[in-house]
Amino acid sequence: MKKLLLSFLIVLAVDSIVSAQAYEGTVEFDKKKQEAFMIDYPYPPEAVENAITKKMEKLGYKPKEEKGIFNKDKGFRIYKDAFVTEINEERMDYIIKVESRGRKNQGESVVYMILQKDGSNAKTAFDAYQVEKVKTFLNGLQPDVLAENLELDIKAQEEAVGKAEKKLRGLKDDQDDLEKKLKNNKDAQRDTEKEIESKKQALDELKAKRVVDKT
């Protein structure tokens, strides 16, 4: 039964990956709508961002991230003058943003990728073959996304185990404290019983000294 369930989960994960296919759309960047390549993943943004970041790092590129409260381009990562042979034989700017698909879909992501050449959107000059190469690149990231999501799950589970172990240590410490208190209480009870017995004997001795009225 367990093997059957595991097989089902593996098939489900593979199906969800295969169903994620790149497509074309638009996104707001640099104060205007830009033609972009997009892909949806049934995984959280952190997993997708990690996969893309590591992919680009392997190619030797680190991004400049758009930040700032009033920056409308916040969240975009720009890889300037990058050379990605899987997409194009020329150096281009790769402008990428990963975000959640909405409050109700925090565990799902959408990727926007804008390609620029000399400050202009390169997609407008792409033919069908070049467009397909970009989509193939994005589709090819899916195993990396799955691997990064697994790492996040492992990390979360390790943290959960760590918290449980910390809780257990605390409970054991509490037990030790209670056992010490219980032992001290029993010792105190024995000492008090001895004290009571001693005082009773002293009381009886005092009572025995009373003068008996014989009249």
N, C-alpha and C. Protein backbone atom coordinates (compact mmCIF):
# COMPACT_ATOMS: atom_id res chain seq x y z
N MET A 1 0.83 -1.20 0.00
CA MET A 1 0.00 0.00 0.00
C MET A 1 0.87 1.26 0.00
N LYS A 2 1.95 1.23 0.83
CA LYS A 2 2.85 2.39 0.91
C LYS A 2 3.57 2.60 -0.42
N LYS A 3 4.01 1.48 -1.06
CA LYS A 3 4.69 1.58 -2.35
C LYS A 3 3.76 2.15 -3.40
N LEU A 4 2.50 1.74 -3.35
CA LEU A 4 1.51 2.23 -4.31
C LEU A 4 1.28 3.72 -4.14
N LEU A 5 1.21 4.17 -2.87
CA LEU A 5 1.00 5.59 -2.59
C LEU A 5 2.19 6.41 -3.05
N LEU A 6 3.42 5.89 -2.80
CA LEU A 6 4.63 6.59 -3.22
C LEU A 6 4.68 6.71 -4.73
N SER A 7 4.33 5.63 -5.43
CA SER A 7 4.32 5.66 -6.89
C SER A 7 3.33 6.68 -7.40
N PHE A 8 2.18 6.75 -6.75
CA PHE A 8 1.15 7.71 -7.15
C PHE A 8 1.64 9.14 -6.98
N LEU A 9 2.33 9.41 -5.87
CA LEU A 9 2.85 10.76 -5.61
C LEU A 9 3.92 11.13 -6.62
N ILE A 10 4.77 10.17 -7.00
CA ILE A 10 5.81 10.43 -8.00
C ILE A 10 5.19 10.75 -9.35
N VAL A 11 4.20 9.96 -9.72
CA VAL A 11 3.51 10.19 -10.99
C VAL A 11 2.82 11.54 -10.98
N LEU A 12 2.21 11.88 -9.86
CA LEU A 12 1.53 13.17 -9.74
C LEU A 12 2.51 14.32 -9.89
N ALA A 13 3.69 14.20 -9.28
CA ALA A 13 4.71 15.25 -9.39
C ALA A 13 5.19 15.38 -10.82
N VAL A 14 5.43 14.26 -11.48
CA VAL A 14 5.89 14.29 -12.87
C VAL A 14 4.83 14.90 -13.77
N ASP A 15 3.58 14.53 -13.55
CA ASP A 15 2.49 15.08 -14.36
C ASP A 15 2.39 16.57 -14.21
N SER A 16 2.56 17.07 -12.97
CA SER A 16 2.45 18.50 -12.73
C SER A 16 3.58 19.27 -13.42
N ILE A 17 4.77 18.62 -13.49
CA ILE A 17 5.90 19.26 -14.16
C ILE A 17 5.68 19.28 -15.67
N VAL A 18 5.27 18.14 -16.21
CA VAL A 18 5.08 18.05 -17.65
C VAL A 18 4.02 19.04 -18.12
N SER A 19 3.01 19.27 -17.28
CA SER A 19 1.92 20.16 -17.68
C SER A 19 2.34 21.62 -17.71
N ALA A 20 3.47 21.97 -17.06
CA ALA A 20 3.95 23.36 -17.04
C ALA A 20 4.70 23.64 -18.34
N GLN A 21 4.12 24.46 -19.20
CA GLN A 21 4.72 24.77 -20.50
C GLN A 21 4.82 26.29 -20.67
N ALA A 22 5.93 26.73 -21.21
CA ALA A 22 6.15 28.17 -21.43
C ALA A 22 5.19 28.71 -22.48
N TYR A 23 4.86 29.99 -22.33
CA TYR A 23 3.97 30.65 -23.28
C TYR A 23 4.36 32.12 -23.38
N GLU A 24 3.69 32.85 -24.23
CA GLU A 24 4.01 34.26 -24.46
C GLU A 24 2.97 35.16 -23.82
N GLY A 25 3.42 36.34 -23.36
CA GLY A 25 2.51 37.28 -22.73
C GLY A 25 3.16 38.64 -22.60
N THR A 26 2.64 39.46 -21.70
CA THR A 26 3.21 40.78 -21.45
C THR A 26 3.33 41.03 -19.96
N VAL A 27 4.23 41.93 -19.59
CA VAL A 27 4.41 42.30 -18.20
C VAL A 27 4.88 43.75 -18.14
N GLU A 28 4.53 44.44 -17.07
CA GLU A 28 4.92 45.83 -16.89
C GLU A 28 6.36 45.92 -16.39
N PHE A 29 7.19 46.63 -17.14
CA PHE A 29 8.58 46.86 -16.74
C PHE A 29 9.07 48.14 -17.39
N ASP A 30 9.86 48.90 -16.62
CA ASP A 30 10.42 50.15 -17.13
C ASP A 30 9.31 51.09 -17.63
N LYS A 31 8.22 51.13 -16.86
CA LYS A 31 7.09 52.04 -17.10
C LYS A 31 6.31 51.76 -18.38
N LYS A 32 6.43 50.53 -18.89
CA LYS A 32 5.64 50.19 -20.08
C LYS A 32 5.45 48.68 -20.16
N LYS A 33 4.44 48.29 -20.94
CA LYS A 33 4.18 46.88 -21.13
C LYS A 33 5.24 46.29 -22.06
N GLN A 34 5.78 45.15 -21.63
CA GLN A 34 6.84 44.51 -22.39
C GLN A 34 6.38 43.11 -22.84
N GLU A 35 6.75 42.75 -24.04
CA GLU A 35 6.52 41.38 -24.47
C GLU A 35 7.45 40.48 -23.68
N ALA A 36 6.90 39.36 -23.22
CA ALA A 36 7.69 38.49 -22.35
C ALA A 36 7.36 37.03 -22.60
N PHE A 37 8.25 36.19 -22.12
CA PHE A 37 8.01 34.75 -22.10
C PHE A 37 7.61 34.40 -20.67
N MET A 38 6.65 33.50 -20.53
CA MET A 38 6.12 33.18 -19.20
C MET A 38 5.97 31.67 -19.03
N ILE A 39 5.98 31.26 -17.77
CA ILE A 39 5.72 29.86 -17.46
C ILE A 39 5.19 29.78 -16.03
N ASP A 40 4.25 28.88 -15.80
CA ASP A 40 3.66 28.69 -14.48
C ASP A 40 4.20 27.40 -13.86
N TYR A 41 4.43 27.47 -12.55
CA TYR A 41 4.90 26.29 -11.83
C TYR A 41 4.02 26.04 -10.61
N PRO A 42 3.71 24.77 -10.31
CA PRO A 42 2.91 24.46 -9.12
C PRO A 42 3.78 24.38 -7.87
N TYR A 43 4.76 25.30 -7.79
CA TYR A 43 5.67 25.33 -6.66
C TYR A 43 5.87 26.78 -6.20
N PRO A 44 6.26 26.99 -4.95
CA PRO A 44 6.41 28.35 -4.42
C PRO A 44 7.51 29.14 -5.10
N PRO A 45 7.40 30.47 -5.10
CA PRO A 45 8.40 31.33 -5.76
C PRO A 45 9.83 31.08 -5.32
N GLU A 46 10.03 30.79 -4.04
CA GLU A 46 11.40 30.59 -3.54
C GLU A 46 12.09 29.45 -4.27
N ALA A 47 11.36 28.36 -4.52
CA ALA A 47 11.94 27.21 -5.21
C ALA A 47 12.30 27.58 -6.65
N VAL A 48 11.41 28.32 -7.30
CA VAL A 48 11.64 28.72 -8.69
C VAL A 48 12.81 29.70 -8.79
N GLU A 49 12.83 30.69 -7.89
CA GLU A 49 13.92 31.67 -7.88
C GLU A 49 15.27 30.99 -7.65
N ASN A 50 15.29 30.05 -6.71
CA ASN A 50 16.55 29.34 -6.43
C ASN A 50 17.04 28.57 -7.66
N ALA A 51 16.09 27.96 -8.38
CA ALA A 51 16.46 27.18 -9.57
C ALA A 51 17.04 28.09 -10.65
N ILE A 52 16.39 29.23 -10.89
CA ILE A 52 16.86 30.16 -11.92
C ILE A 52 18.19 30.78 -11.52
N THR A 53 18.30 31.18 -10.26
CA THR A 53 19.54 31.80 -9.78
C THR A 53 20.73 30.85 -9.94
N LYS A 54 20.54 29.59 -9.55
CA LYS A 54 21.63 28.61 -9.66
C LYS A 54 21.96 28.31 -11.11
N LYS A 55 20.93 28.28 -11.96
CA LYS A 55 21.15 28.04 -13.38
C LYS A 55 22.04 29.15 -13.97
N MET A 56 21.70 30.39 -13.65
CA MET A 56 22.47 31.52 -14.18
C MET A 56 23.85 31.61 -13.54
N GLU A 57 23.95 31.22 -12.28
CA GLU A 57 25.26 31.23 -11.61
C GLU A 57 26.21 30.24 -12.27
N LYS A 58 25.67 29.09 -12.70
CA LYS A 58 26.49 28.09 -13.39
C LYS A 58 27.03 28.65 -14.70
N LEU A 59 26.27 29.57 -15.28
CA LEU A 59 26.71 30.21 -16.53
C LEU A 59 27.64 31.38 -16.26
N GLY A 60 27.79 31.72 -14.97
CA GLY A 60 28.72 32.78 -14.59
C GLY A 60 28.10 34.15 -14.39
N TYR A 61 26.78 34.19 -14.14
CA TYR A 61 26.12 35.50 -14.03
C TYR A 61 25.37 35.66 -12.70
N LYS A 62 25.52 36.84 -12.14
CA LYS A 62 24.78 37.21 -10.94
C LYS A 62 23.90 38.41 -11.28
N PRO A 63 22.69 38.46 -10.71
CA PRO A 63 21.76 39.52 -11.10
C PRO A 63 21.87 40.80 -10.28
N LYS A 64 21.36 41.85 -10.86
CA LYS A 64 21.10 43.07 -10.11
C LYS A 64 19.61 43.06 -9.85
N GLU A 65 19.22 43.14 -8.58
CA GLU A 65 17.80 43.05 -8.23
C GLU A 65 17.21 44.43 -8.02
N GLU A 66 16.07 44.66 -8.64
CA GLU A 66 15.35 45.92 -8.46
C GLU A 66 14.69 45.91 -7.08
N LYS A 67 14.99 46.95 -6.29
CA LYS A 67 14.44 47.05 -4.93
C LYS A 67 13.85 48.43 -4.70
N GLY A 68 13.31 48.63 -3.52
CA GLY A 68 12.76 49.93 -3.16
C GLY A 68 11.24 49.93 -3.08
N ILE A 69 10.72 50.59 -2.05
CA ILE A 69 9.28 50.61 -1.80
C ILE A 69 8.52 51.21 -2.98
N PHE A 70 9.06 52.29 -3.56
CA PHE A 70 8.35 53.00 -4.63
C PHE A 70 8.83 52.59 -6.03
N ASN A 71 9.62 51.56 -6.10
CA ASN A 71 10.12 51.07 -7.38
C ASN A 71 9.11 50.11 -7.98
N LYS A 72 8.48 50.51 -9.08
CA LYS A 72 7.46 49.67 -9.71
C LYS A 72 8.05 48.42 -10.35
N ASP A 73 9.36 48.43 -10.55
CA ASP A 73 10.03 47.26 -11.12
C ASP A 73 10.59 46.34 -10.04
N LYS A 74 10.18 46.58 -8.80
CA LYS A 74 10.68 45.78 -7.68
C LYS A 74 10.41 44.29 -7.92
N GLY A 75 11.42 43.48 -7.66
CA GLY A 75 11.27 42.03 -7.83
C GLY A 75 11.91 41.50 -9.09
N PHE A 76 12.16 42.38 -10.06
CA PHE A 76 12.84 41.95 -11.28
C PHE A 76 14.33 41.77 -11.00
N ARG A 77 14.90 40.73 -11.59
CA ARG A 77 16.33 40.50 -11.50
C ARG A 77 16.92 40.62 -12.90
N ILE A 78 17.93 41.44 -13.02
CA ILE A 78 18.49 41.76 -14.34
C ILE A 78 19.88 41.16 -14.49
N TYR A 79 20.01 40.31 -15.50
CA TYR A 79 21.31 39.72 -15.84
C TYR A 79 21.82 40.47 -17.07
N LYS A 80 22.70 41.40 -16.84
CA LYS A 80 23.19 42.27 -17.93
C LYS A 80 24.19 41.53 -18.82
N ASP A 81 24.00 41.73 -20.12
CA ASP A 81 24.96 41.26 -21.11
C ASP A 81 25.32 39.79 -20.90
N ALA A 82 24.29 38.97 -20.71
CA ALA A 82 24.52 37.55 -20.46
C ALA A 82 24.53 36.75 -21.76
N PHE A 83 25.34 35.70 -21.75
CA PHE A 83 25.50 34.85 -22.93
C PHE A 83 24.93 33.48 -22.60
N VAL A 84 23.71 33.20 -23.07
CA VAL A 84 23.04 31.92 -22.81
C VAL A 84 22.87 31.20 -24.15
N THR A 85 23.77 30.30 -24.44
CA THR A 85 23.78 29.65 -25.76
C THR A 85 22.54 28.82 -26.02
N GLU A 86 21.86 28.36 -24.96
CA GLU A 86 20.63 27.57 -25.14
C GLU A 86 19.53 28.42 -25.77
N ILE A 87 19.67 29.76 -25.67
CA ILE A 87 18.65 30.66 -26.18
C ILE A 87 19.11 31.40 -27.43
N ASN A 88 20.32 31.98 -27.34
CA ASN A 88 20.78 32.83 -28.44
C ASN A 88 22.30 32.86 -28.48
N GLU A 89 22.84 33.09 -29.64
CA GLU A 89 24.29 33.15 -29.81
C GLU A 89 24.84 34.55 -29.51
N GLU A 90 23.97 35.48 -29.15
CA GLU A 90 24.39 36.85 -28.84
C GLU A 90 24.17 37.14 -27.37
N ARG A 91 24.95 38.08 -26.86
CA ARG A 91 24.76 38.55 -25.48
C ARG A 91 23.54 39.43 -25.41
N MET A 92 22.73 39.21 -24.36
CA MET A 92 21.53 40.00 -24.17
C MET A 92 21.30 40.24 -22.68
N ASP A 93 20.38 41.13 -22.39
CA ASP A 93 19.97 41.35 -21.01
C ASP A 93 18.77 40.45 -20.73
N TYR A 94 18.90 39.65 -19.67
CA TYR A 94 17.80 38.76 -19.27
C TYR A 94 17.15 39.37 -18.02
N ILE A 95 15.91 39.76 -18.17
CA ILE A 95 15.19 40.42 -17.07
C ILE A 95 14.10 39.47 -16.60
N ILE A 96 14.24 38.99 -15.38
CA ILE A 96 13.39 37.90 -14.88
C ILE A 96 12.70 38.28 -13.57
N LYS A 97 11.44 37.91 -13.49
CA LYS A 97 10.69 38.12 -12.25
C LYS A 97 9.89 36.87 -11.95
N VAL A 98 9.92 36.46 -10.69
CA VAL A 98 9.14 35.31 -10.22
C VAL A 98 8.21 35.82 -9.12
N GLU A 99 6.95 35.51 -9.23
CA GLU A 99 6.01 35.94 -8.20
C GLU A 99 4.94 34.88 -7.98
N SER A 100 4.28 35.00 -6.83
CA SER A 100 3.18 34.08 -6.52
C SER A 100 2.01 34.35 -7.45
N ARG A 101 1.24 33.33 -7.72
CA ARG A 101 0.10 33.48 -8.62
C ARG A 101 -1.10 34.11 -7.92
N GLY A 102 -0.92 34.55 -6.69
CA GLY A 102 -1.99 35.23 -5.97
C GLY A 102 -2.08 34.74 -4.54
N ARG A 103 -2.84 35.46 -3.72
CA ARG A 103 -2.95 35.12 -2.30
C ARG A 103 -3.52 33.72 -2.09
N LYS A 104 -4.41 33.31 -2.97
CA LYS A 104 -5.02 32.00 -2.82
C LYS A 104 -4.13 30.89 -3.37
N ASN A 105 -3.06 31.28 -4.07
CA ASN A 105 -2.15 30.29 -4.67
C ASN A 105 -0.71 30.58 -4.28
N GLN A 106 -0.46 30.66 -2.97
CA GLN A 106 0.87 30.98 -2.48
C GLN A 106 1.89 29.90 -2.86
N GLY A 107 1.42 28.68 -3.08
CA GLY A 107 2.33 27.60 -3.43
C GLY A 107 2.55 27.46 -4.92
N GLU A 108 2.05 28.41 -5.71
CA GLU A 108 2.22 28.37 -7.16
C GLU A 108 2.90 29.66 -7.63
N SER A 109 3.63 29.56 -8.74
CA SER A 109 4.42 30.70 -9.20
C SER A 109 4.22 30.96 -10.69
N VAL A 110 4.52 32.19 -11.08
CA VAL A 110 4.57 32.55 -12.49
C VAL A 110 5.90 33.25 -12.74
N VAL A 111 6.54 32.90 -13.83
CA VAL A 111 7.84 33.49 -14.21
C VAL A 111 7.64 34.38 -15.43
N TYR A 112 8.21 35.58 -15.36
CA TYR A 112 8.22 36.50 -16.50
C TYR A 112 9.68 36.67 -16.92
N MET A 113 9.94 36.52 -18.20
CA MET A 113 11.30 36.73 -18.69
C MET A 113 11.28 37.64 -19.92
N ILE A 114 11.94 38.79 -19.76
CA ILE A 114 12.06 39.75 -20.85
C ILE A 114 13.49 39.67 -21.38
N LEU A 115 13.64 39.65 -22.69
CA LEU A 115 14.96 39.67 -23.30
C LEU A 115 15.16 41.00 -24.02
N GLN A 116 16.26 41.66 -23.70
CA GLN A 116 16.55 42.95 -24.32
C GLN A 116 17.92 42.94 -24.99
N LYS A 117 17.96 43.65 -26.11
CA LYS A 117 19.22 43.81 -26.84
C LYS A 117 19.39 45.29 -27.16
N ASP A 118 20.47 45.88 -26.62
CA ASP A 118 20.73 47.31 -26.83
C ASP A 118 19.56 48.17 -26.36
N GLY A 119 18.95 47.77 -25.24
CA GLY A 119 17.87 48.55 -24.64
C GLY A 119 16.50 48.33 -25.23
N SER A 120 16.39 47.49 -26.27
CA SER A 120 15.10 47.23 -26.91
C SER A 120 14.66 45.79 -26.66
N ASN A 121 13.36 45.57 -26.66
CA ASN A 121 12.82 44.23 -26.45
C ASN A 121 13.19 43.34 -27.63
N ALA A 122 13.97 42.32 -27.36
CA ALA A 122 14.49 41.45 -28.43
C ALA A 122 13.44 40.52 -29.00
N LYS A 123 12.41 40.24 -28.23
CA LYS A 123 11.39 39.28 -28.67
C LYS A 123 10.69 39.74 -29.95
N THR A 124 10.55 41.03 -30.11
CA THR A 124 9.84 41.55 -31.29
C THR A 124 10.52 41.18 -32.59
N ALA A 125 11.83 40.89 -32.52
CA ALA A 125 12.58 40.55 -33.73
C ALA A 125 12.81 39.04 -33.87
N PHE A 126 12.30 38.26 -32.90
CA PHE A 126 12.52 36.81 -32.95
C PHE A 126 11.63 36.15 -33.99
N ASP A 127 12.18 35.13 -34.66
CA ASP A 127 11.35 34.31 -35.53
C ASP A 127 10.81 33.13 -34.70
N ALA A 128 10.03 32.28 -35.32
CA ALA A 128 9.39 31.17 -34.61
C ALA A 128 10.42 30.23 -33.97
N TYR A 129 11.53 30.00 -34.66
CA TYR A 129 12.57 29.12 -34.14
C TYR A 129 13.19 29.68 -32.86
N GLN A 130 13.48 31.00 -32.87
CA GLN A 130 14.08 31.63 -31.69
C GLN A 130 13.10 31.66 -30.53
N VAL A 131 11.83 31.89 -30.83
CA VAL A 131 10.81 31.89 -29.79
C VAL A 131 10.74 30.50 -29.13
N GLU A 132 10.79 29.48 -29.96
CA GLU A 132 10.71 28.11 -29.44
C GLU A 132 11.93 27.77 -28.59
N LYS A 133 13.10 28.30 -28.93
CA LYS A 133 14.30 28.05 -28.14
C LYS A 133 14.17 28.63 -26.73
N VAL A 134 13.57 29.82 -26.63
CA VAL A 134 13.38 30.43 -25.31
C VAL A 134 12.41 29.59 -24.49
N LYS A 135 11.32 29.14 -25.13
CA LYS A 135 10.35 28.32 -24.42
C LYS A 135 10.97 27.00 -23.97
N THR A 136 11.80 26.43 -24.83
CA THR A 136 12.47 25.17 -24.49
C THR A 136 13.39 25.37 -23.29
N PHE A 137 14.05 26.52 -23.23
CA PHE A 137 14.93 26.83 -22.09
C PHE A 137 14.12 26.87 -20.79
N LEU A 138 12.99 27.57 -20.83
CA LEU A 138 12.14 27.68 -19.64
C LEU A 138 11.56 26.31 -19.25
N ASN A 139 11.12 25.56 -20.25
CA ASN A 139 10.60 24.22 -19.96
C ASN A 139 11.67 23.34 -19.35
N GLY A 140 12.90 23.54 -19.80
CA GLY A 140 14.01 22.74 -19.31
C GLY A 140 14.40 23.01 -17.87
N LEU A 141 13.89 24.09 -17.30
CA LEU A 141 14.18 24.42 -15.90
C LEU A 141 13.36 23.60 -14.92
N GLN A 142 12.37 22.90 -15.43
CA GLN A 142 11.42 22.23 -14.55
C GLN A 142 12.06 21.21 -13.59
N PRO A 143 13.00 20.36 -14.04
CA PRO A 143 13.65 19.45 -13.08
C PRO A 143 14.42 20.20 -11.99
N ASP A 144 15.01 21.35 -12.36
CA ASP A 144 15.74 22.16 -11.38
C ASP A 144 14.78 22.72 -10.34
N VAL A 145 13.61 23.15 -10.80
CA VAL A 145 12.59 23.69 -9.88
C VAL A 145 12.13 22.60 -8.92
N LEU A 146 11.88 21.41 -9.46
CA LEU A 146 11.45 20.29 -8.61
C LEU A 146 12.52 19.96 -7.57
N ALA A 147 13.79 19.97 -7.99
CA ALA A 147 14.89 19.67 -7.07
C ALA A 147 14.99 20.71 -5.97
N GLU A 148 14.84 22.00 -6.34
CA GLU A 148 14.91 23.07 -5.34
C GLU A 148 13.72 23.02 -4.39
N ASN A 149 12.56 22.63 -4.92
CA ASN A 149 11.38 22.51 -4.06
C ASN A 149 11.58 21.39 -3.05
N LEU A 150 12.21 20.30 -3.52
CA LEU A 150 12.51 19.19 -2.61
C LEU A 150 13.46 19.64 -1.51
N GLU A 151 14.47 20.44 -1.87
CA GLU A 151 15.41 20.95 -0.86
C GLU A 151 14.70 21.81 0.17
N LEU A 152 13.74 22.62 -0.29
CA LEU A 152 12.97 23.45 0.64
C LEU A 152 12.13 22.58 1.57
N ASP A 153 11.54 21.51 1.01
CA ASP A 153 10.74 20.59 1.83
C ASP A 153 11.62 19.91 2.87
N ILE A 154 12.83 19.51 2.43
CA ILE A 154 13.77 18.86 3.36
C ILE A 154 14.17 19.83 4.47
N LYS A 155 14.47 21.07 4.09
CA LYS A 155 14.84 22.08 5.08
C LYS A 155 13.72 22.32 6.07
N ALA A 156 12.48 22.43 5.55
CA ALA A 156 11.33 22.65 6.42
C ALA A 156 11.13 21.47 7.37
N GLN A 157 11.33 20.26 6.85
CA GLN A 157 11.17 19.07 7.69
C GLN A 157 12.28 19.00 8.73
N GLU A 158 13.50 19.38 8.35
CA GLU A 158 14.61 19.41 9.31
C GLU A 158 14.31 20.39 10.43
N GLU A 159 13.75 21.55 10.07
CA GLU A 159 13.38 22.54 11.08
C GLU A 159 12.28 22.01 11.99
N ALA A 160 11.33 21.28 11.39
CA ALA A 160 10.24 20.71 12.19
C ALA A 160 10.79 19.66 13.16
N VAL A 161 11.73 18.84 12.67
CA VAL A 161 12.37 17.85 13.54
C VAL A 161 13.15 18.54 14.65
N GLY A 162 13.87 19.61 14.29
CA GLY A 162 14.64 20.36 15.28
C GLY A 162 13.76 20.95 16.37
N LYS A 163 12.61 21.50 15.96
CA LYS A 163 11.67 22.08 16.93
C LYS A 163 11.12 21.00 17.85
N ALA A 164 10.78 19.84 17.26
CA ALA A 164 10.24 18.73 18.06
C ALA A 164 11.28 18.22 19.05
N GLU A 165 12.54 18.13 18.59
CA GLU A 165 13.62 17.67 19.47
C GLU A 165 13.86 18.67 20.59
N LYS A 166 13.78 19.96 20.27
CA LYS A 166 13.95 21.00 21.29
C LYS A 166 12.82 20.92 22.32
N LYS A 167 11.61 20.67 21.82
CA LYS A 167 10.46 20.53 22.73
C LYS A 167 10.65 19.34 23.65
N LEU A 168 11.14 18.22 23.07
CA LEU A 168 11.38 17.01 23.88
C LEU A 168 12.43 17.27 24.95
N ARG A 169 13.51 17.98 24.56
CA ARG A 169 14.55 18.30 25.55
C ARG A 169 13.97 19.14 26.68
N GLY A 170 13.11 20.08 26.31
CA GLY A 170 12.47 20.92 27.32
C GLY A 170 11.59 20.11 28.26
N LEU A 171 10.83 19.16 27.67
CA LEU A 171 9.96 18.31 28.49
C LEU A 171 10.78 17.43 29.43
N LYS A 172 11.91 16.91 28.90
CA LYS A 172 12.77 16.08 29.75
C LYS A 172 13.40 16.90 30.87
N ASP A 173 13.78 18.14 30.55
CA ASP A 173 14.33 19.03 31.59
C ASP A 173 13.27 19.31 32.66
N ASP A 174 12.04 19.53 32.20
CA ASP A 174 10.94 19.75 33.14
C ASP A 174 10.72 18.53 34.03
N GLN A 175 10.84 17.33 33.40
CA GLN A 175 10.67 16.10 34.16
C GLN A 175 11.77 15.97 35.21
N ASP A 176 13.00 16.29 34.80
CA ASP A 176 14.11 16.22 35.76
C ASP A 176 13.88 17.16 36.93
N ASP A 177 13.40 18.39 36.60
CA ASP A 177 13.13 19.37 37.66
C ASP A 177 12.01 18.86 38.59
N LEU A 178 10.98 18.27 37.97
CA LEU A 178 9.86 17.76 38.77
C LEU A 178 10.29 16.60 39.65
N GLU A 179 11.14 15.72 39.08
CA GLU A 179 11.63 14.58 39.86
C GLU A 179 12.49 15.04 41.03
N LYS A 180 13.31 16.07 40.79
CA LYS A 180 14.13 16.63 41.88
C LYS A 180 13.24 17.23 42.95
N LYS A 181 12.22 17.98 42.50
CA LYS A 181 11.29 18.58 43.45
C LYS A 181 10.55 17.51 44.23
N LEU A 182 10.15 16.42 43.53
CA LEU A 182 9.43 15.33 44.19
C LEU A 182 10.33 14.65 45.22
N LYS A 183 11.61 14.43 44.85
CA LYS A 183 12.55 13.81 45.79
C LYS A 183 12.75 14.72 47.00
N ASN A 184 12.95 16.02 46.73
CA ASN A 184 13.13 16.98 47.83
C ASN A 184 11.89 17.02 48.72
N ASN A 185 10.71 16.90 48.07
CA ASN A 185 9.46 16.91 48.84
C ASN A 185 9.37 15.69 49.74
N LYS A 186 9.75 14.51 49.19
CA LYS A 186 9.70 13.28 50.00
C LYS A 186 10.69 13.36 51.15
N ASP A 187 11.88 13.89 50.88
CA ASP A 187 12.88 14.05 51.94
C ASP A 187 12.36 15.00 53.01
N ALA A 188 11.72 16.07 52.56
CA ALA A 188 11.17 17.05 53.51
C ALA A 188 10.05 16.43 54.33
N GLN A 189 9.24 15.56 53.70
CA GLN A 189 8.16 14.88 54.42
C GLN A 189 8.73 13.99 55.53
N ARG A 190 9.78 13.22 55.18
CA ARG A 190 10.40 12.34 56.18
C ARG A 190 10.98 13.16 57.33
N ASP A 191 11.66 14.25 57.01
CA ASP A 191 12.24 15.11 58.05
C ASP A 191 11.14 15.72 58.92
N THR A 192 10.06 16.11 58.29
CA THR A 192 8.95 16.71 59.04
C THR A 192 8.27 15.68 59.93
N GLU A 193 8.14 14.43 59.41
CA GLU A 193 7.55 13.35 60.23
C GLU A 193 8.41 13.10 61.48
N LYS A 194 9.75 13.09 61.28
CA LYS A 194 10.66 12.91 62.41
C LYS A 194 10.53 14.07 63.40
N GLU A 195 10.39 15.27 62.83
CA GLU A 195 10.25 16.46 63.68
C GLU A 195 8.96 16.39 64.48
N ILE A 196 7.89 15.97 63.84
CA ILE A 196 6.59 15.85 64.52
C ILE A 196 6.68 14.82 65.64
N GLU A 197 7.31 13.67 65.34
CA GLU A 197 7.44 12.62 66.35
C GLU A 197 8.25 13.10 67.55
N SER A 198 9.33 13.82 67.25
CA SER A 198 10.16 14.35 68.32
C SER A 198 9.39 15.35 69.17
N LYS A 199 8.61 16.20 68.53
CA LYS A 199 7.86 17.21 69.26
C LYS A 199 6.73 16.58 70.07
N LYS A 200 6.15 15.50 69.52
CA LYS A 200 5.10 14.80 70.26
C LYS A 200 5.66 14.18 71.54
N GLN A 201 6.87 13.59 71.38
CA GLN A 201 7.51 13.01 72.56
C GLN A 201 7.77 14.08 73.61
N ALA A 202 8.24 15.22 73.14
CA ALA A 202 8.51 16.33 74.06
C ALA A 202 7.22 16.79 74.71
N LEU A 203 6.13 16.80 73.94
CA LEU A 203 4.82 17.21 74.47
C LEU A 203 4.35 16.23 75.54
N ASP A 204 4.51 14.93 75.25
CA ASP A 204 4.10 13.93 76.22
C ASP A 204 4.90 14.06 77.51
N GLU A 205 6.19 14.33 77.39
CA GLU A 205 7.03 14.50 78.57
C GLU A 205 6.59 15.69 79.40
N LEU A 206 6.22 16.76 78.73
CA LEU A 206 5.74 17.94 79.44
C LEU A 206 4.42 17.67 80.13
N LYS A 207 3.54 16.94 79.45
CA LYS A 207 2.24 16.61 80.05
C LYS A 207 2.41 15.71 81.28
N ALA A 208 3.42 14.86 81.24
CA ALA A 208 3.65 13.94 82.36
C ALA A 208 4.10 14.67 83.63
N LYS A 209 4.59 15.87 83.46
CA LYS A 209 5.08 16.65 84.60
C LYS A 209 3.97 17.44 85.28
N ARG A 210 2.75 17.32 84.76
CA ARG A 210 1.66 18.05 85.39
C ARG A 210 1.42 17.54 86.82
N VAL A 211 1.08 18.44 87.71
CA VAL A 211 0.77 18.07 89.09
C VAL A 211 -0.68 17.60 89.15
N VAL A 212 -0.85 16.38 89.65
CA VAL A 212 -2.22 15.83 89.70
C VAL A 212 -2.90 16.26 91.00
N ASP A 213 -4.07 16.83 90.88
CA ASP A 213 -4.85 17.28 92.07
C ASP A 213 -5.49 16.08 92.69
N LYS A 214 -5.05 15.75 94.02
CA LYS A 214 -5.55 14.56 94.71
C LYS A 214 -6.77 14.84 95.60
N THR A 215 -7.15 16.06 95.67
CA THR A 215 -8.31 16.35 96.53
C THR A 215 -9.59 16.04 95.80
